[in-house]
Amino acid sequence: MKQHHWTAEELEIVRRDYDGTGVGAQRIADRLGVTVHAVHGKIQFLGVARNTGRRAWTQREEELLAEYIGKYAISTIARKMNRSLNSVVVKAKRLRLSLRARDGWFTKTEVCEILGVDHHWVQRRIDSGELKAGWNSDCKPQRSGAAYWRITTDSIRQFIVEHANELTGRNIDLVMIVHLLNGELN
């Protein structure tokens, strides 16, 4: 399909006539002879999309979320903050907050993020015994993902101290490593 070049008059029609509904967007598309997707793109570009009723997060709410995230279940946090579950989960991810409370251990995936390496690299260290890890259930973790490795903060700390020369500074989570080495995470 040939790309449509929008005129100033057409943009004004979108601004003026868009009523915030899909039907309204379709009417505009029919009138201008473009696809409804093109109209939706212009609606977003022009910033005339309807208000969805979403509240922006305040700095104080972000601070409370960071404080609550390790103490309460997501449903409790959502209720306390008068937010939806989805809103809390998405904001926590955007702020790079862990969704589970720390109790002295990490999964292999989390160790990969901390050390800035891929899961094969970590698995080789587990298999060789350089990084001590246990199973989190009755069975050894397999590719199916039914079980996962449980790696204690002490094991990670010991590995970092003994194998620091294997870590490259570009991808590591330096803040988390400092917390681990200082014993702030137990």
N, C-alpha and C. Protein backbone atom coordinates (compact mmCIF):
# COMPACT_ATOMS: atom_id res chain seq x y z
N MET A 1 0.84 -1.18 0.00
CA MET A 1 0.00 0.00 0.00
C MET A 1 0.89 1.24 0.00
N LYS A 2 0.49 2.24 -0.76
CA LYS A 2 1.25 3.48 -0.88
C LYS A 2 1.16 4.30 0.41
N GLN A 3 2.28 4.88 0.81
CA GLN A 3 2.31 5.68 2.03
C GLN A 3 1.55 6.98 1.82
N HIS A 4 0.74 7.34 2.80
CA HIS A 4 -0.07 8.55 2.73
C HIS A 4 0.73 9.72 3.32
N HIS A 5 0.74 10.84 2.62
CA HIS A 5 1.39 12.04 3.13
C HIS A 5 0.30 12.96 3.67
N TRP A 6 0.35 13.17 4.96
CA TRP A 6 -0.70 13.91 5.65
C TRP A 6 -0.57 15.41 5.40
N THR A 7 -1.70 16.05 5.09
CA THR A 7 -1.72 17.49 4.91
C THR A 7 -2.08 18.14 6.24
N ALA A 8 -1.84 19.44 6.33
CA ALA A 8 -2.19 20.18 7.54
C ALA A 8 -3.69 20.13 7.78
N GLU A 9 -4.47 20.16 6.71
CA GLU A 9 -5.94 20.10 6.83
C GLU A 9 -6.38 18.75 7.40
N GLU A 10 -5.78 17.66 6.93
CA GLU A 10 -6.12 16.33 7.43
C GLU A 10 -5.75 16.19 8.91
N LEU A 11 -4.60 16.71 9.29
CA LEU A 11 -4.19 16.66 10.69
C LEU A 11 -5.18 17.43 11.57
N GLU A 12 -5.67 18.55 11.05
CA GLU A 12 -6.65 19.33 11.80
C GLU A 12 -7.96 18.56 11.95
N ILE A 13 -8.35 17.81 10.92
CA ILE A 13 -9.56 16.98 11.00
C ILE A 13 -9.39 15.94 12.11
N VAL A 14 -8.23 15.31 12.18
CA VAL A 14 -7.98 14.31 13.22
C VAL A 14 -8.06 14.97 14.59
N ARG A 15 -7.41 16.11 14.75
CA ARG A 15 -7.43 16.82 16.04
C ARG A 15 -8.85 17.21 16.45
N ARG A 16 -9.58 17.74 15.51
CA ARG A 16 -10.91 18.27 15.79
C ARG A 16 -11.98 17.19 15.96
N ASP A 17 -11.93 16.16 15.10
CA ASP A 17 -13.05 15.21 15.03
C ASP A 17 -12.86 13.92 15.83
N TYR A 18 -11.66 13.66 16.28
CA TYR A 18 -11.46 12.40 17.02
C TYR A 18 -12.16 12.50 18.38
N ASP A 19 -13.04 11.54 18.65
CA ASP A 19 -13.84 11.57 19.89
C ASP A 19 -13.39 10.55 20.93
N GLY A 20 -12.26 9.92 20.70
CA GLY A 20 -11.73 8.98 21.69
C GLY A 20 -12.24 7.57 21.54
N THR A 21 -12.95 7.28 20.46
CA THR A 21 -13.48 5.93 20.26
C THR A 21 -12.94 5.31 18.98
N GLY A 22 -13.02 4.01 18.91
CA GLY A 22 -12.63 3.30 17.69
C GLY A 22 -13.54 3.63 16.53
N VAL A 23 -14.82 3.84 16.82
CA VAL A 23 -15.79 4.21 15.78
C VAL A 23 -15.43 5.58 15.21
N GLY A 24 -15.06 6.50 16.09
CA GLY A 24 -14.65 7.83 15.64
C GLY A 24 -13.42 7.77 14.75
N ALA A 25 -12.46 6.94 15.12
CA ALA A 25 -11.26 6.78 14.30
C ALA A 25 -11.61 6.18 12.95
N GLN A 26 -12.55 5.23 12.93
CA GLN A 26 -12.97 4.61 11.66
C GLN A 26 -13.66 5.64 10.77
N ARG A 27 -14.49 6.50 11.34
CA ARG A 27 -15.16 7.55 10.56
C ARG A 27 -14.13 8.47 9.91
N ILE A 28 -13.13 8.86 10.67
CA ILE A 28 -12.08 9.72 10.13
C ILE A 28 -11.34 9.00 9.01
N ALA A 29 -11.02 7.72 9.22
CA ALA A 29 -10.32 6.93 8.20
C ALA A 29 -11.13 6.87 6.92
N ASP A 30 -12.44 6.61 7.03
CA ASP A 30 -13.30 6.54 5.85
C ASP A 30 -13.35 7.88 5.14
N ARG A 31 -13.46 8.95 5.89
CA ARG A 31 -13.55 10.29 5.32
C ARG A 31 -12.28 10.68 4.56
N LEU A 32 -11.12 10.28 5.13
CA LEU A 32 -9.85 10.68 4.52
C LEU A 32 -9.30 9.64 3.54
N GLY A 33 -9.91 8.46 3.50
CA GLY A 33 -9.46 7.43 2.57
C GLY A 33 -8.15 6.77 2.99
N VAL A 34 -7.97 6.61 4.30
CA VAL A 34 -6.78 5.94 4.83
C VAL A 34 -7.24 4.81 5.75
N THR A 35 -6.29 4.00 6.18
CA THR A 35 -6.65 2.90 7.08
C THR A 35 -6.88 3.43 8.49
N VAL A 36 -7.64 2.68 9.26
CA VAL A 36 -7.87 3.06 10.65
C VAL A 36 -6.56 3.03 11.44
N HIS A 37 -5.64 2.14 11.03
CA HIS A 37 -4.33 2.08 11.70
C HIS A 37 -3.54 3.37 11.47
N ALA A 38 -3.66 3.93 10.27
CA ALA A 38 -2.98 5.19 9.98
C ALA A 38 -3.54 6.30 10.86
N VAL A 39 -4.86 6.30 11.02
CA VAL A 39 -5.49 7.32 11.87
C VAL A 39 -5.04 7.15 13.32
N HIS A 40 -5.03 5.91 13.80
CA HIS A 40 -4.58 5.67 15.18
C HIS A 40 -3.13 6.13 15.36
N GLY A 41 -2.29 5.91 14.37
CA GLY A 41 -0.91 6.38 14.44
C GLY A 41 -0.83 7.89 14.57
N LYS A 42 -1.65 8.60 13.79
CA LYS A 42 -1.65 10.06 13.86
C LYS A 42 -2.23 10.55 15.18
N ILE A 43 -3.23 9.83 15.69
CA ILE A 43 -3.81 10.20 16.99
C ILE A 43 -2.73 10.16 18.06
N GLN A 44 -1.94 9.10 18.05
CA GLN A 44 -0.85 8.98 19.02
C GLN A 44 0.20 10.06 18.79
N PHE A 45 0.57 10.26 17.51
CA PHE A 45 1.61 11.23 17.16
C PHE A 45 1.20 12.64 17.58
N LEU A 46 -0.06 12.97 17.36
CA LEU A 46 -0.55 14.31 17.69
C LEU A 46 -0.86 14.49 19.18
N GLY A 47 -0.90 13.37 19.90
CA GLY A 47 -1.17 13.46 21.33
C GLY A 47 -2.61 13.76 21.67
N VAL A 48 -3.53 13.34 20.79
CA VAL A 48 -4.94 13.61 21.05
C VAL A 48 -5.69 12.37 21.51
N ALA A 49 -4.96 11.33 21.87
CA ALA A 49 -5.60 10.12 22.37
C ALA A 49 -6.36 10.47 23.64
N ARG A 50 -7.46 9.78 23.84
CA ARG A 50 -8.30 10.08 25.01
C ARG A 50 -7.57 9.72 26.30
N ASN A 51 -7.98 10.37 27.33
CA ASN A 51 -7.43 10.09 28.65
C ASN A 51 -7.98 8.75 29.12
N THR A 52 -7.10 7.84 29.47
CA THR A 52 -7.53 6.51 29.89
C THR A 52 -7.87 6.46 31.38
N GLY A 53 -7.69 7.56 32.08
CA GLY A 53 -7.98 7.58 33.50
C GLY A 53 -6.81 7.07 34.34
N ARG A 54 -5.68 6.82 33.71
CA ARG A 54 -4.52 6.33 34.45
C ARG A 54 -3.87 7.47 35.21
N ARG A 55 -3.48 7.18 36.43
CA ARG A 55 -2.79 8.17 37.25
C ARG A 55 -1.30 7.98 37.10
N ALA A 56 -0.60 9.07 36.93
CA ALA A 56 0.86 9.00 36.88
C ALA A 56 1.37 8.67 38.28
N TRP A 57 2.49 7.96 38.35
CA TRP A 57 3.10 7.62 39.63
C TRP A 57 3.85 8.84 40.14
N THR A 58 3.67 9.16 41.41
CA THR A 58 4.42 10.25 42.03
C THR A 58 5.74 9.70 42.56
N GLN A 59 6.65 10.60 42.85
CA GLN A 59 7.93 10.21 43.42
C GLN A 59 7.72 9.49 44.76
N ARG A 60 6.79 9.98 45.55
CA ARG A 60 6.50 9.37 46.86
C ARG A 60 5.96 7.95 46.68
N GLU A 61 5.09 7.74 45.68
CA GLU A 61 4.55 6.41 45.43
C GLU A 61 5.65 5.44 45.00
N GLU A 62 6.58 5.93 44.18
CA GLU A 62 7.70 5.08 43.77
C GLU A 62 8.56 4.70 44.97
N GLU A 63 8.76 5.64 45.88
CA GLU A 63 9.52 5.35 47.10
C GLU A 63 8.80 4.32 47.97
N LEU A 64 7.49 4.48 48.11
CA LEU A 64 6.70 3.52 48.88
C LEU A 64 6.75 2.14 48.24
N LEU A 65 6.65 2.10 46.91
CA LEU A 65 6.72 0.82 46.21
C LEU A 65 8.04 0.13 46.50
N ALA A 66 9.14 0.87 46.42
CA ALA A 66 10.46 0.30 46.70
C ALA A 66 10.53 -0.21 48.14
N GLU A 67 9.89 0.49 49.05
CA GLU A 67 9.88 0.07 50.46
C GLU A 67 9.01 -1.17 50.67
N TYR A 68 7.86 -1.21 50.02
CA TYR A 68 6.91 -2.31 50.21
C TYR A 68 7.29 -3.59 49.48
N ILE A 69 8.01 -3.48 48.37
CA ILE A 69 8.17 -4.62 47.46
C ILE A 69 8.80 -5.84 48.12
N GLY A 70 9.68 -5.67 49.06
CA GLY A 70 10.29 -6.82 49.72
C GLY A 70 9.54 -7.31 50.94
N LYS A 71 8.52 -6.54 51.37
CA LYS A 71 7.82 -6.85 52.61
C LYS A 71 6.44 -7.48 52.40
N TYR A 72 5.74 -7.06 51.36
CA TYR A 72 4.35 -7.46 51.18
C TYR A 72 4.13 -8.15 49.84
N ALA A 73 3.06 -8.91 49.76
CA ALA A 73 2.65 -9.52 48.49
C ALA A 73 2.19 -8.42 47.54
N ILE A 74 2.29 -8.69 46.25
CA ILE A 74 1.90 -7.70 45.24
C ILE A 74 0.44 -7.27 45.44
N SER A 75 -0.43 -8.21 45.74
CA SER A 75 -1.85 -7.87 45.94
C SER A 75 -2.03 -6.92 47.12
N THR A 76 -1.26 -7.11 48.17
CA THR A 76 -1.33 -6.22 49.34
C THR A 76 -0.81 -4.84 48.98
N ILE A 77 0.29 -4.79 48.23
CA ILE A 77 0.84 -3.50 47.81
C ILE A 77 -0.17 -2.75 46.96
N ALA A 78 -0.79 -3.46 46.02
CA ALA A 78 -1.78 -2.83 45.14
C ALA A 78 -2.92 -2.24 45.96
N ARG A 79 -3.39 -2.99 46.94
CA ARG A 79 -4.49 -2.52 47.78
C ARG A 79 -4.04 -1.31 48.61
N LYS A 80 -2.86 -1.38 49.22
CA LYS A 80 -2.35 -0.28 50.05
C LYS A 80 -2.17 1.01 49.24
N MET A 81 -1.77 0.84 47.97
CA MET A 81 -1.46 2.01 47.15
C MET A 81 -2.62 2.43 46.25
N ASN A 82 -3.74 1.71 46.37
CA ASN A 82 -4.90 1.99 45.53
C ASN A 82 -4.52 1.96 44.04
N ARG A 83 -3.83 0.89 43.67
CA ARG A 83 -3.39 0.66 42.29
C ARG A 83 -3.81 -0.74 41.87
N SER A 84 -3.85 -0.97 40.56
CA SER A 84 -4.15 -2.31 40.07
C SER A 84 -2.91 -3.19 40.23
N LEU A 85 -3.13 -4.50 40.23
CA LEU A 85 -2.00 -5.44 40.29
C LEU A 85 -1.05 -5.18 39.13
N ASN A 86 -1.62 -5.03 37.93
CA ASN A 86 -0.81 -4.82 36.74
C ASN A 86 0.02 -3.54 36.87
N SER A 87 -0.58 -2.49 37.38
CA SER A 87 0.13 -1.23 37.55
C SER A 87 1.34 -1.40 38.47
N VAL A 88 1.16 -2.12 39.55
CA VAL A 88 2.25 -2.35 40.51
C VAL A 88 3.36 -3.18 39.88
N VAL A 89 2.99 -4.26 39.19
CA VAL A 89 3.99 -5.14 38.58
C VAL A 89 4.77 -4.40 37.51
N VAL A 90 4.07 -3.68 36.63
CA VAL A 90 4.75 -2.96 35.55
C VAL A 90 5.68 -1.89 36.11
N LYS A 91 5.22 -1.13 37.10
CA LYS A 91 6.06 -0.08 37.68
C LYS A 91 7.28 -0.67 38.37
N ALA A 92 7.09 -1.78 39.07
CA ALA A 92 8.23 -2.43 39.74
C ALA A 92 9.26 -2.88 38.71
N LYS A 93 8.81 -3.43 37.59
CA LYS A 93 9.75 -3.85 36.55
C LYS A 93 10.47 -2.66 35.95
N ARG A 94 9.73 -1.58 35.71
CA ARG A 94 10.36 -0.37 35.14
C ARG A 94 11.38 0.23 36.09
N LEU A 95 11.13 0.10 37.39
CA LEU A 95 12.08 0.59 38.39
C LEU A 95 13.15 -0.44 38.71
N ARG A 96 13.08 -1.60 38.05
CA ARG A 96 14.02 -2.70 38.23
C ARG A 96 14.04 -3.20 39.68
N LEU A 97 12.84 -3.29 40.25
CA LEU A 97 12.69 -3.82 41.61
C LEU A 97 12.34 -5.29 41.51
N SER A 98 12.93 -6.10 42.35
CA SER A 98 12.62 -7.52 42.37
C SER A 98 11.23 -7.71 42.96
N LEU A 99 10.45 -8.62 42.36
CA LEU A 99 9.08 -8.83 42.81
C LEU A 99 8.97 -9.82 43.96
N ARG A 100 10.09 -10.32 44.44
CA ARG A 100 10.01 -11.24 45.57
C ARG A 100 10.93 -10.78 46.68
N ALA A 101 10.57 -11.13 47.88
CA ALA A 101 11.38 -10.75 49.03
C ALA A 101 12.67 -11.56 49.03
N ARG A 102 13.74 -10.96 49.45
CA ARG A 102 15.03 -11.64 49.53
C ARG A 102 15.12 -12.41 50.82
N ASP A 103 15.53 -13.65 50.72
CA ASP A 103 15.74 -14.43 51.93
C ASP A 103 17.07 -15.17 51.87
N GLY A 104 18.05 -14.54 51.24
CA GLY A 104 19.40 -15.08 51.26
C GLY A 104 19.79 -15.97 50.10
N TRP A 105 18.99 -16.01 49.05
CA TRP A 105 19.37 -16.81 47.89
C TRP A 105 18.83 -16.21 46.60
N PHE A 106 19.43 -16.64 45.49
CA PHE A 106 19.07 -16.15 44.17
C PHE A 106 18.90 -17.33 43.22
N THR A 107 18.15 -17.11 42.15
CA THR A 107 18.05 -18.11 41.09
C THR A 107 19.24 -17.94 40.15
N LYS A 108 19.45 -18.91 39.27
CA LYS A 108 20.54 -18.81 38.30
C LYS A 108 20.34 -17.60 37.40
N THR A 109 19.11 -17.33 37.01
CA THR A 109 18.81 -16.17 36.15
C THR A 109 19.21 -14.88 36.84
N GLU A 110 18.91 -14.76 38.12
CA GLU A 110 19.28 -13.56 38.86
C GLU A 110 20.79 -13.42 38.98
N VAL A 111 21.49 -14.54 39.17
CA VAL A 111 22.96 -14.50 39.24
C VAL A 111 23.52 -14.05 37.89
N CYS A 112 22.92 -14.50 36.80
CA CYS A 112 23.35 -14.07 35.46
C CYS A 112 23.26 -12.55 35.35
N GLU A 113 22.16 -11.98 35.82
CA GLU A 113 21.97 -10.53 35.76
C GLU A 113 22.98 -9.80 36.64
N ILE A 114 23.24 -10.33 37.81
CA ILE A 114 24.19 -9.69 38.73
C ILE A 114 25.60 -9.70 38.15
N LEU A 115 26.01 -10.85 37.62
CA LEU A 115 27.38 -11.00 37.12
C LEU A 115 27.53 -10.53 35.68
N GLY A 116 26.43 -10.23 35.00
CA GLY A 116 26.48 -9.74 33.64
C GLY A 116 26.94 -10.78 32.64
N VAL A 117 26.52 -12.02 32.84
CA VAL A 117 26.92 -13.13 31.97
C VAL A 117 25.68 -13.92 31.56
N ASP A 118 25.86 -14.83 30.59
CA ASP A 118 24.71 -15.64 30.18
C ASP A 118 24.59 -16.89 31.04
N HIS A 119 23.47 -17.59 30.89
CA HIS A 119 23.19 -18.74 31.75
C HIS A 119 24.13 -19.91 31.51
N HIS A 120 24.68 -20.03 30.30
CA HIS A 120 25.64 -21.11 30.04
C HIS A 120 26.91 -20.90 30.89
N TRP A 121 27.35 -19.67 30.98
CA TRP A 121 28.55 -19.32 31.74
C TRP A 121 28.34 -19.71 33.21
N VAL A 122 27.18 -19.33 33.75
CA VAL A 122 26.89 -19.64 35.16
C VAL A 122 26.75 -21.15 35.34
N GLN A 123 26.09 -21.83 34.40
CA GLN A 123 25.90 -23.27 34.51
C GLN A 123 27.24 -24.00 34.52
N ARG A 124 28.20 -23.54 33.69
CA ARG A 124 29.53 -24.17 33.69
C ARG A 124 30.19 -24.03 35.06
N ARG A 125 30.02 -22.89 35.71
CA ARG A 125 30.61 -22.68 37.04
C ARG A 125 29.90 -23.54 38.09
N ILE A 126 28.61 -23.74 37.94
CA ILE A 126 27.87 -24.62 38.85
C ILE A 126 28.34 -26.06 38.65
N ASP A 127 28.41 -26.49 37.38
CA ASP A 127 28.81 -27.87 37.08
C ASP A 127 30.22 -28.18 37.55
N SER A 128 31.12 -27.18 37.46
CA SER A 128 32.51 -27.40 37.88
C SER A 128 32.67 -27.32 39.40
N GLY A 129 31.67 -26.81 40.09
CA GLY A 129 31.74 -26.67 41.55
C GLY A 129 32.31 -25.34 41.99
N GLU A 130 32.71 -24.48 41.04
CA GLU A 130 33.24 -23.16 41.41
C GLU A 130 32.17 -22.29 42.07
N LEU A 131 30.94 -22.42 41.59
CA LEU A 131 29.82 -21.70 42.17
C LEU A 131 28.89 -22.73 42.79
N LYS A 132 28.82 -22.71 44.10
CA LYS A 132 28.01 -23.71 44.81
C LYS A 132 26.52 -23.36 44.68
N ALA A 133 25.74 -24.36 44.27
CA ALA A 133 24.30 -24.16 44.09
C ALA A 133 23.57 -25.44 44.45
N GLY A 134 22.42 -25.28 44.99
CA GLY A 134 21.58 -26.43 45.32
C GLY A 134 20.29 -26.38 44.53
N TRP A 135 19.52 -27.44 44.67
CA TRP A 135 18.24 -27.49 44.00
C TRP A 135 17.20 -26.87 44.91
N ASN A 136 16.22 -26.25 44.30
CA ASN A 136 15.16 -25.65 45.10
C ASN A 136 13.99 -26.60 45.31
N SER A 137 14.09 -27.78 44.77
CA SER A 137 13.03 -28.77 44.95
C SER A 137 13.68 -30.15 45.05
N ASP A 138 12.90 -31.18 44.94
CA ASP A 138 13.42 -32.54 45.07
C ASP A 138 14.17 -33.02 43.84
N CYS A 139 14.08 -32.29 42.75
CA CYS A 139 14.72 -32.76 41.52
C CYS A 139 15.68 -31.71 40.97
N LYS A 140 16.70 -32.19 40.26
CA LYS A 140 17.69 -31.31 39.65
C LYS A 140 17.03 -30.49 38.55
N PRO A 141 17.36 -29.20 38.45
CA PRO A 141 16.78 -28.36 37.40
C PRO A 141 17.10 -28.91 36.01
N GLN A 142 16.10 -28.96 35.17
CA GLN A 142 16.23 -29.43 33.79
C GLN A 142 15.83 -28.30 32.85
N ARG A 143 15.90 -28.58 31.56
CA ARG A 143 15.52 -27.58 30.56
C ARG A 143 14.04 -27.21 30.63
N SER A 144 13.21 -28.09 31.16
CA SER A 144 11.77 -27.83 31.19
C SER A 144 11.41 -26.65 32.10
N GLY A 145 12.31 -26.30 33.02
CA GLY A 145 12.07 -25.18 33.91
C GLY A 145 11.21 -25.51 35.11
N ALA A 146 10.95 -26.79 35.35
CA ALA A 146 10.09 -27.19 36.47
C ALA A 146 10.76 -26.93 37.81
N ALA A 147 12.08 -26.92 37.84
CA ALA A 147 12.83 -26.66 39.07
C ALA A 147 13.89 -25.62 38.75
N TYR A 148 14.50 -25.06 39.77
CA TYR A 148 15.54 -24.06 39.50
C TYR A 148 16.63 -24.14 40.56
N TRP A 149 17.78 -23.57 40.18
CA TRP A 149 18.93 -23.57 41.08
C TRP A 149 18.72 -22.55 42.19
N ARG A 150 19.18 -22.91 43.37
CA ARG A 150 19.13 -22.04 44.55
C ARG A 150 20.58 -21.73 44.91
N ILE A 151 20.98 -20.47 44.74
CA ILE A 151 22.37 -20.05 44.96
C ILE A 151 22.37 -19.04 46.10
N THR A 152 23.02 -19.38 47.19
CA THR A 152 23.00 -18.51 48.37
C THR A 152 23.88 -17.29 48.17
N THR A 153 23.59 -16.25 48.96
CA THR A 153 24.42 -15.05 48.89
C THR A 153 25.85 -15.36 49.29
N ASP A 154 26.04 -16.26 50.25
CA ASP A 154 27.40 -16.64 50.65
C ASP A 154 28.15 -17.30 49.50
N SER A 155 27.46 -18.14 48.72
CA SER A 155 28.10 -18.80 47.58
C SER A 155 28.50 -17.78 46.52
N ILE A 156 27.61 -16.82 46.25
CA ILE A 156 27.93 -15.79 45.26
C ILE A 156 29.10 -14.95 45.75
N ARG A 157 29.05 -14.56 47.02
CA ARG A 157 30.12 -13.74 47.61
C ARG A 157 31.46 -14.47 47.49
N GLN A 158 31.48 -15.75 47.85
CA GLN A 158 32.72 -16.54 47.78
C GLN A 158 33.21 -16.63 46.34
N PHE A 159 32.29 -16.85 45.40
CA PHE A 159 32.68 -16.95 43.99
C PHE A 159 33.29 -15.64 43.51
N ILE A 160 32.66 -14.52 43.85
CA ILE A 160 33.17 -13.21 43.41
C ILE A 160 34.57 -12.96 43.96
N VAL A 161 34.78 -13.27 45.22
CA VAL A 161 36.09 -13.06 45.84
C VAL A 161 37.15 -13.94 45.18
N GLU A 162 36.82 -15.21 44.94
CA GLU A 162 37.80 -16.15 44.41
C GLU A 162 37.99 -16.04 42.90
N HIS A 163 37.01 -15.53 42.18
CA HIS A 163 37.07 -15.51 40.72
C HIS A 163 36.80 -14.12 40.14
N ALA A 164 37.18 -13.08 40.85
CA ALA A 164 36.92 -11.71 40.40
C ALA A 164 37.54 -11.43 39.04
N ASN A 165 38.67 -12.08 38.74
CA ASN A 165 39.34 -11.84 37.46
C ASN A 165 38.53 -12.33 36.27
N GLU A 166 37.52 -13.17 36.49
CA GLU A 166 36.68 -13.68 35.40
C GLU A 166 35.55 -12.73 35.05
N LEU A 167 35.30 -11.74 35.87
CA LEU A 167 34.18 -10.83 35.64
C LEU A 167 34.65 -9.60 34.88
N THR A 168 33.85 -9.20 33.89
CA THR A 168 34.16 -7.97 33.15
C THR A 168 33.23 -6.88 33.64
N GLY A 169 33.76 -5.69 33.80
CA GLY A 169 33.03 -4.60 34.42
C GLY A 169 31.88 -4.02 33.64
N ARG A 170 31.80 -4.28 32.35
CA ARG A 170 30.81 -3.60 31.53
C ARG A 170 29.37 -4.01 31.87
N ASN A 171 29.13 -5.27 32.11
CA ASN A 171 27.76 -5.75 32.26
C ASN A 171 27.35 -6.11 33.68
N ILE A 172 28.25 -6.03 34.62
CA ILE A 172 27.92 -6.46 35.98
C ILE A 172 27.00 -5.46 36.67
N ASP A 173 26.24 -5.94 37.63
CA ASP A 173 25.41 -5.08 38.46
C ASP A 173 26.26 -4.69 39.66
N LEU A 174 27.02 -3.62 39.50
CA LEU A 174 28.01 -3.22 40.49
C LEU A 174 27.38 -2.93 41.86
N VAL A 175 26.21 -2.31 41.86
CA VAL A 175 25.55 -2.00 43.12
C VAL A 175 25.23 -3.28 43.89
N MET A 176 24.67 -4.27 43.19
CA MET A 176 24.32 -5.53 43.84
C MET A 176 25.57 -6.25 44.33
N ILE A 177 26.65 -6.22 43.54
CA ILE A 177 27.89 -6.88 43.96
C ILE A 177 28.45 -6.21 45.21
N VAL A 178 28.40 -4.89 45.27
CA VAL A 178 28.87 -4.19 46.47
C VAL A 178 28.03 -4.60 47.68
N HIS A 179 26.71 -4.66 47.50
CA HIS A 179 25.84 -5.10 48.60
C HIS A 179 26.18 -6.52 49.04
N LEU A 180 26.43 -7.39 48.07
CA LEU A 180 26.79 -8.78 48.39
C LEU A 180 28.10 -8.84 49.17
N LEU A 181 29.11 -8.12 48.69
CA LEU A 181 30.42 -8.16 49.33
C LEU A 181 30.40 -7.52 50.71
N ASN A 182 29.55 -6.53 50.91
CA ASN A 182 29.45 -5.87 52.21
C ASN A 182 28.60 -6.66 53.20
N GLY A 183 27.99 -7.74 52.73
CA GLY A 183 27.13 -8.54 53.59
C GLY A 183 25.78 -7.91 53.87
N GLU A 184 25.36 -6.97 53.01
CA GLU A 184 24.09 -6.29 53.22
C GLU A 184 22.90 -7.14 52.79
N LEU A 185 23.15 -8.20 52.03
CA LEU A 185 22.08 -9.10 51.59
C LEU A 185 22.29 -10.45 52.24
N ASN A 186 21.44 -10.83 53.14
CA ASN A 186 21.57 -12.13 53.82
C ASN A 186 20.26 -12.86 53.81
